[in-house]
Protein backbone atom coordinates (compact mmCIF):
# COMPACT_ATOMS: atom_id res chain seq x y z
CA MET A 1 -15.26 1.61 -16.56
CA ARG A 2 -15.89 4.07 -13.78
CA THR A 3 -13.32 6.09 -12.03
CA LEU A 4 -12.63 6.51 -8.33
CA ILE A 5 -14.03 10.03 -8.67
CA SER A 6 -17.11 8.76 -9.69
CA ILE A 7 -17.68 6.14 -6.43
CA LEU A 8 -16.30 8.93 -4.16
CA TRP A 9 -18.28 11.55 -2.15
CA ILE A 10 -16.13 14.28 -0.27
CA SER A 11 -17.97 15.10 2.74
CA PHE A 12 -17.03 17.49 5.83
CA PHE A 13 -19.93 16.42 8.03
CA PRO A 14 -18.35 15.18 11.04
CA LEU A 15 -20.26 12.35 13.39
CA ALA A 16 -22.21 13.02 16.53
CA ALA A 17 -20.17 13.57 19.00
CA ALA A 18 -19.19 10.56 21.00
CA ALA A 19 -16.40 9.87 23.79
CA GLN A 20 -12.94 10.33 23.18
CA ASP A 21 -12.20 6.65 24.15
CA ASP A 22 -14.49 5.23 21.77
CA ASP A 23 -13.20 7.51 18.50
CA LEU A 24 -10.47 5.34 16.59
CA SER A 25 -8.75 8.53 15.05
CA TYR A 26 -8.52 9.50 18.27
CA ARG A 27 -7.16 6.15 19.61
CA LEU A 28 -4.70 6.10 17.36
CA LYS A 29 -3.34 9.66 17.74
CA LYS A 30 -2.90 8.19 21.51
CA VAL A 31 -0.30 5.29 19.56
CA ILE A 32 1.76 7.96 17.45
CA LYS A 33 2.11 10.29 20.08
CA ASP A 34 5.55 12.31 21.10
CA LYS A 35 7.09 9.52 18.30
CA LYS A 36 10.00 10.99 17.01
CA ALA A 37 8.91 10.72 13.12
CA GLU A 38 5.96 11.90 10.82
CA ILE A 39 3.29 9.46 10.89
CA GLY A 40 0.14 9.14 8.64
CA ILE A 41 -2.77 6.82 8.83
CA ALA A 42 -5.66 5.60 6.97
CA VAL A 43 -7.97 2.89 7.14
CA ILE A 44 -11.02 2.38 4.81
CA LEU A 45 -13.92 0.29 7.11
CA ASP A 46 -15.74 -2.43 4.78
CA ALA A 47 -15.65 0.53 1.81
CA GLN A 48 -18.14 2.34 4.15
CA ASP A 49 -16.25 4.70 6.58
CA THR A 50 -12.99 6.27 6.46
CA VAL A 51 -10.42 7.44 9.29
CA THR A 52 -7.80 9.24 8.67
CA VAL A 53 -4.89 11.16 10.97
CA ASN A 54 -2.21 13.09 9.53
CA ASN A 55 -3.38 12.24 5.80
CA ASP A 56 -2.58 16.34 4.46
CA ASP A 57 1.49 15.89 3.59
CA ARG A 58 3.50 13.87 1.14
CA TYR A 59 5.38 10.60 2.58
CA PRO A 60 7.61 8.64 0.19
CA LEU A 61 6.21 5.69 -0.87
CA MET A 62 9.17 3.60 -0.90
CA SER A 63 8.81 0.05 -2.18
CA VAL A 64 5.54 0.28 -1.52
CA PHE A 65 5.29 1.94 -5.42
CA LYS A 66 5.47 -1.38 -6.13
CA PHE A 67 1.95 -2.16 -5.55
CA HIS A 68 1.40 0.82 -8.04
CA GLN A 69 3.64 -0.50 -10.82
CA ALA A 70 2.18 -4.04 -10.30
CA LEU A 71 -1.55 -2.31 -11.20
CA ALA A 72 0.18 -0.21 -14.15
CA VAL A 73 2.14 -4.16 -15.21
CA ALA A 74 -1.17 -5.78 -15.24
CA ASP A 75 -3.03 -3.36 -17.58
CA TYR A 76 0.39 -3.11 -19.76
CA LEU A 77 -1.14 -6.80 -20.40
CA ASP A 78 -4.44 -6.52 -20.89
CA ARG A 79 -4.17 -3.60 -23.39
CA ASN A 80 -1.49 -5.28 -25.01
CA GLY A 81 -3.19 -8.91 -25.30
CA LEU A 82 -0.48 -10.55 -23.20
CA THR A 83 -0.16 -12.84 -20.28
CA PRO A 84 1.43 -13.19 -17.35
CA ASP A 85 3.42 -15.91 -18.75
CA THR A 86 5.18 -13.38 -21.33
CA GLU A 87 8.81 -13.87 -20.87
CA ILE A 88 11.55 -10.74 -21.11
CA PHE A 89 14.77 -11.87 -20.95
CA ILE A 90 17.54 -10.19 -18.48
CA PRO A 91 20.63 -10.15 -19.26
CA GLU A 92 23.69 -9.51 -16.36
CA GLU A 93 24.23 -6.11 -16.71
CA GLU A 94 20.19 -5.45 -15.54
CA LEU A 95 21.03 -6.54 -12.25
CA VAL A 96 22.27 -3.82 -10.53
CA PRO A 97 24.92 -4.76 -7.56
CA ASP A 98 25.05 -3.02 -4.21
CA THR A 99 21.09 -3.00 -4.31
CA TYR A 100 18.77 -5.46 -2.42
CA SER A 101 17.81 -8.33 -5.54
CA PRO A 102 17.36 -11.82 -4.70
CA LEU A 103 16.43 -11.90 -8.07
CA ARG A 104 20.30 -11.12 -8.61
CA GLU A 105 21.10 -13.49 -5.68
CA GLU A 106 19.36 -16.83 -7.41
CA PHE A 107 20.71 -15.81 -11.09
CA PRO A 108 24.14 -13.51 -10.42
CA GLU A 109 24.98 -14.23 -13.89
CA GLY A 110 21.93 -13.41 -15.81
CA GLU A 111 21.57 -14.81 -19.06
CA ILE A 112 17.65 -15.88 -18.20
CA SER A 113 14.70 -15.67 -19.23
CA LEU A 114 11.67 -14.98 -16.74
CA SER A 115 8.20 -14.76 -16.79
CA VAL A 116 6.06 -11.28 -15.93
CA SER A 117 4.16 -13.42 -13.28
CA ARG A 118 7.63 -14.60 -11.79
CA LEU A 119 9.11 -10.96 -11.79
CA LEU A 120 6.23 -9.48 -10.07
CA GLU A 121 6.71 -12.59 -7.22
CA TYR A 122 9.83 -11.20 -6.67
CA SER A 123 8.35 -7.36 -6.67
CA LEU A 124 5.53 -7.75 -4.42
CA GLN A 125 6.49 -10.49 -2.01
CA LEU A 126 10.52 -9.94 -1.68
CA SER A 127 10.25 -6.19 -2.75
CA ASP A 128 13.15 -6.91 -4.93
CA ASN A 129 14.19 -4.07 -6.73
CA ASN A 130 15.88 -5.17 -9.69
CA ALA A 131 12.58 -6.98 -10.66
CA CYS A 132 11.21 -3.85 -10.48
CA ASP A 133 13.24 -1.75 -12.34
CA ILE A 134 13.52 -4.87 -15.04
CA LEU A 135 9.42 -4.04 -15.17
CA PHE A 136 9.39 -0.55 -15.24
CA GLU A 137 12.50 -0.81 -18.51
CA HIS A 138 9.50 -2.99 -19.92
CA THR A 139 6.21 -1.21 -19.28
CA GLY A 140 7.06 2.03 -19.85
CA GLY A 141 8.73 3.71 -17.02
CA PRO A 142 7.63 5.39 -13.87
CA ALA A 143 5.22 7.87 -15.87
CA ALA A 144 3.50 5.14 -17.63
CA THR A 145 2.40 3.99 -13.80
CA ASP A 146 1.63 7.36 -12.92
CA ARG A 147 -0.48 7.92 -15.63
CA TYR A 148 -2.50 4.51 -15.35
CA VAL A 149 -3.16 5.36 -11.55
CA ARG A 150 -3.79 8.94 -12.14
CA SER A 151 -6.78 7.20 -15.17
CA LEU A 152 -8.39 6.05 -11.89
CA GLY A 153 -9.42 9.11 -10.30
CA LEU A 154 -6.59 9.15 -8.21
CA HIS A 155 -4.20 12.62 -7.64
CA ASP A 156 -2.77 12.86 -4.14
CA PHE A 157 0.18 11.03 -4.83
CA ALA A 158 3.45 10.51 -7.64
CA ILE A 159 5.26 7.91 -9.08
CA ALA A 160 8.82 9.44 -10.56
CA ALA A 161 12.11 7.08 -9.74
CA THR A 162 13.16 4.16 -10.38
CA GLU A 163 14.41 2.27 -7.86
CA GLN A 164 17.85 2.84 -9.40
CA GLN A 165 17.57 6.43 -9.60
CA MET A 166 16.90 6.73 -5.66
CA HIS A 167 19.73 4.28 -5.04
CA ASP A 168 21.47 6.95 -6.50
CA ASP A 169 19.84 9.76 -4.75
CA PRO A 170 18.45 9.53 -1.77
CA GLN A 171 16.18 12.77 -1.72
CA THR A 172 14.73 11.63 -5.00
CA CYS A 173 12.53 9.00 -2.97
CA TYR A 174 10.63 11.81 -1.61
CA GLU A 175 9.78 12.28 -5.66
CA ASN A 176 7.80 8.85 -4.95
CA TRP A 177 4.60 9.96 -2.83
CA SER A 178 1.36 9.47 -1.52
CA THR A 179 -1.30 10.58 1.64
CA PRO A 180 -1.86 7.19 3.21
CA LEU A 181 -6.00 8.05 1.74
CA GLU A 182 -4.89 7.39 -1.90
CA ALA A 183 -2.70 4.93 -1.39
CA ALA A 184 -5.43 3.14 0.70
CA ALA A 185 -7.81 4.25 -1.90
CA LEU A 186 -5.83 2.24 -4.54
CA LEU A 187 -5.60 -0.91 -3.15
CA GLU A 188 -9.63 -0.84 -2.00
CA LEU A 189 -10.10 -0.16 -5.99
CA LEU A 190 -8.41 -3.65 -6.62
CA VAL A 191 -10.47 -5.32 -3.50
CA THR A 192 -13.42 -4.12 -4.86
CA GLU A 193 -13.04 -5.49 -7.81
CA GLN A 194 -13.46 -2.61 -9.35
CA ILE A 195 -10.05 -2.50 -12.06
CA LEU A 196 -8.19 -4.76 -13.76
CA THR A 197 -9.41 -8.67 -14.92
CA PRO A 198 -10.67 -11.14 -12.64
CA THR A 199 -7.29 -13.14 -13.40
CA LEU A 200 -5.05 -10.39 -13.01
CA ARG A 201 -6.67 -8.79 -9.71
CA GLU A 202 -5.70 -12.44 -8.22
CA MET A 203 -2.45 -12.70 -8.82
CA ILE A 204 -1.61 -9.43 -7.59
CA ARG A 205 -3.45 -10.31 -4.79
CA GLN A 206 -2.36 -13.54 -4.25
CA ASN A 207 0.84 -11.99 -4.24
CA LEU A 208 0.70 -9.26 -1.72
CA ILE A 209 -0.99 -12.49 0.83
CA SER A 210 2.19 -13.97 -0.32
CA CYS A 211 4.25 -11.08 0.89
CA LYS A 212 7.58 -12.33 2.73
CA THR A 213 8.70 -8.68 4.08
CA GLY A 214 7.10 -6.87 7.00
CA ALA A 215 5.70 -10.02 9.18
CA ASP A 216 7.02 -7.44 12.14
CA ARG A 217 4.32 -4.33 10.78
CA LEU A 218 0.49 -5.01 9.50
CA PRO A 219 0.92 -9.01 10.30
CA LYS A 220 2.32 -9.25 13.59
CA PRO A 221 -0.73 -8.48 15.65
CA LEU A 222 -2.74 -11.37 13.60
CA SER A 223 -1.51 -13.77 13.74
CA GLY A 224 -3.87 -16.37 15.09
CA THR A 225 -6.70 -14.25 14.59
CA GLY A 226 -7.88 -16.35 11.21
CA ALA A 227 -7.46 -12.85 9.41
CA VAL A 228 -6.32 -12.91 5.76
CA ILE A 229 -3.75 -10.20 5.45
CA GLY A 230 -2.50 -9.07 2.06
CA HIS A 231 0.25 -6.04 2.13
CA LYS A 232 3.15 -4.24 0.18
CA THR A 233 5.96 -2.75 2.68
CA GLY A 234 8.38 -0.28 2.03
CA THR A 235 11.87 0.99 3.77
CA SER A 236 13.97 3.69 3.39
CA ASP A 237 17.69 3.03 4.38
CA ARG A 238 19.54 5.33 7.22
CA ASP A 239 20.63 8.62 6.28
CA GLU A 240 23.52 10.34 7.68
CA ARG A 241 21.71 12.29 10.27
CA GLY A 242 20.23 9.21 11.39
CA ILE A 243 16.55 9.99 9.64
CA PHE A 244 14.45 6.94 7.98
CA ALA A 245 13.15 8.80 5.48
CA GLY A 246 10.00 6.17 5.16
CA THR A 247 9.35 2.96 7.10
CA ASN A 248 5.41 1.74 4.74
CA ASP A 249 3.07 -0.86 5.39
CA LEU A 250 -0.38 -0.75 3.23
CA GLY A 251 -2.78 -3.59 3.48
CA PHE A 252 -6.23 -5.11 3.86
CA VAL A 253 -7.39 -7.52 6.00
CA ILE A 254 -10.37 -9.27 5.64
CA LEU A 255 -11.90 -10.94 8.61
CA PRO A 256 -13.21 -14.93 9.47
CA ASP A 257 -16.50 -12.80 9.25
CA GLY A 258 -16.13 -11.03 6.10
CA THR A 259 -15.54 -7.92 7.57
CA ARG A 260 -13.20 -6.12 5.60
CA TYR A 261 -10.54 -3.01 5.90
CA THR A 262 -8.04 -1.44 3.82
CA ILE A 263 -5.25 0.21 5.91
CA ALA A 264 -1.88 2.60 5.38
CA VAL A 265 0.60 3.56 7.91
CA PHE A 266 3.80 5.56 6.63
CA ILE A 267 6.63 6.60 8.74
CA LYS A 268 8.31 9.51 7.58
CA ASP A 269 11.21 11.38 8.43
CA SER A 270 12.07 9.39 11.50
CA ALA A 271 14.51 9.55 14.27
CA GLU A 272 13.48 5.86 15.98
CA ASN A 273 15.36 2.62 15.28
CA PRO A 274 14.05 0.32 12.74
CA GLU A 275 12.51 -2.07 15.70
CA THR A 276 10.89 1.33 16.96
CA ASN A 277 9.35 1.84 13.64
CA ALA A 278 7.52 -1.31 13.12
CA ARG A 279 6.74 -1.40 16.67
CA ILE A 280 4.69 1.83 15.96
CA ILE A 281 3.22 0.57 12.82
CA ALA A 282 2.24 -2.89 14.66
CA ASP A 283 0.88 -1.26 17.18
CA ILE A 284 -1.76 1.09 14.98
CA SER A 285 -2.71 -2.63 13.35
CA GLU A 286 -3.83 -3.66 16.98
CA THR A 287 -5.51 -0.92 17.19
CA VAL A 288 -7.90 -1.01 14.71
CA TYR A 289 -7.63 -4.80 14.42
CA ARG A 290 -9.61 -4.62 18.52
CA TYR A 291 -11.46 -1.61 16.81
CA VAL A 292 -13.23 -3.23 13.98
CA HIS A 293 -13.50 -6.97 15.96
CA ASP A 294 -14.75 -5.49 19.25
CA GLU A 295 -16.25 -2.78 18.49
CA TYR A 296 -17.20 -1.84 14.41
CA ARG A 297 -19.11 -5.03 13.87
CA GLU A 298 -21.22 -5.35 17.08
CA ASN A 299 -22.69 -1.36 16.35
CA ASP A 300 -24.72 0.04 13.72
CA ILE A 301 -22.45 1.37 11.38
CA ARG A 302 -21.91 -1.43 8.86
CA PRO A 303 -22.06 -1.39 5.28
CA GLY A 304 -25.40 0.34 3.86
CA LYS A 305 -24.73 3.23 6.59
CA LYS A 306 -23.56 6.47 4.75
CA HIS A 307 -21.43 7.47 7.39
CA VAL A 308 -18.18 9.47 7.51
CA ASP A 309 -15.91 9.36 10.08
CA LYS A 310 -14.67 12.66 12.00
CA GLY A 311 -11.14 13.34 10.14
CA ALA A 312 -11.87 11.25 6.90
CA GLY A 313 -13.46 13.91 4.32
CA ILE A 314 -13.48 10.78 1.97
CA GLY A 315 -17.04 8.45 2.23
CA PHE A 316 -17.52 5.49 0.18
CA GLU A 317 -20.71 5.03 -1.60
CA SER A 318 -21.29 1.14 -0.07
CA ASP A 319 -24.50 0.51 -3.02
CA TYR A 320 -21.61 1.18 -5.15
CA PHE A 321 -19.49 -2.31 -3.77
CA TYR A 322 -21.87 -3.93 -2.72
């Protein structure tokens, strides 16, 4: 399997000058201006063009890392000749209280066996913290997830802590971090079918499409457009200073005509309220959708052009993906 490094080429050459109001990066910066938070954005358009804003920082992933984990779990199944139907026994003590867990609410006494695919549904669709840590327990922990993702050629991230460790010490959430572009690039590998077997890929993809959290974030402006979105959210608690360490959404969007983009929006150390944080992500999502729907598709900047948007730093060679 070719790694991500072998399918990326590094470039720092900007586009020819364009009017500011026609520049997606400029529009995104307008959306986040004067917000009481650090906001990072990455967009990959049709595996061809990239746009980033504030990508040179480490953003706590929060539960977005459950997507990273899901890929590593799928790889673990494949390497060990196991299927998603493989069952895991869950004793009562593994259903930790005082954490977000629809799984525990449904089976409060534990002592049950659930398939890996069912646990992934809880983890990806509902962002269940106990399901996540149970999967870690049986597949090598955060270190194994970190190793797998690095094996794909990604480096600007780290997976180091479980959900329980982050619950015990909220500062630990900063140990699970990524740049927005690195997270988007990882999702791009799944969407462009460069990793895992078709069955395992589709299992994760469908779980992302069926995500039940964050309807007021990336998906909100897409309602009624006919676009398909799969995504994974991440959200911290508010600390004693009134700060949210992370409010995130990572997703892929496919328009009815097949035009596609991957988007990561990470909000770090926000003094805004939860509703405002969600609205920021929704406004960014709408800005990108409008740009792609109204302008990107209409101009001669579709796949086949080795075009790199200014500020991105990474471009995808479209002849590899298509």
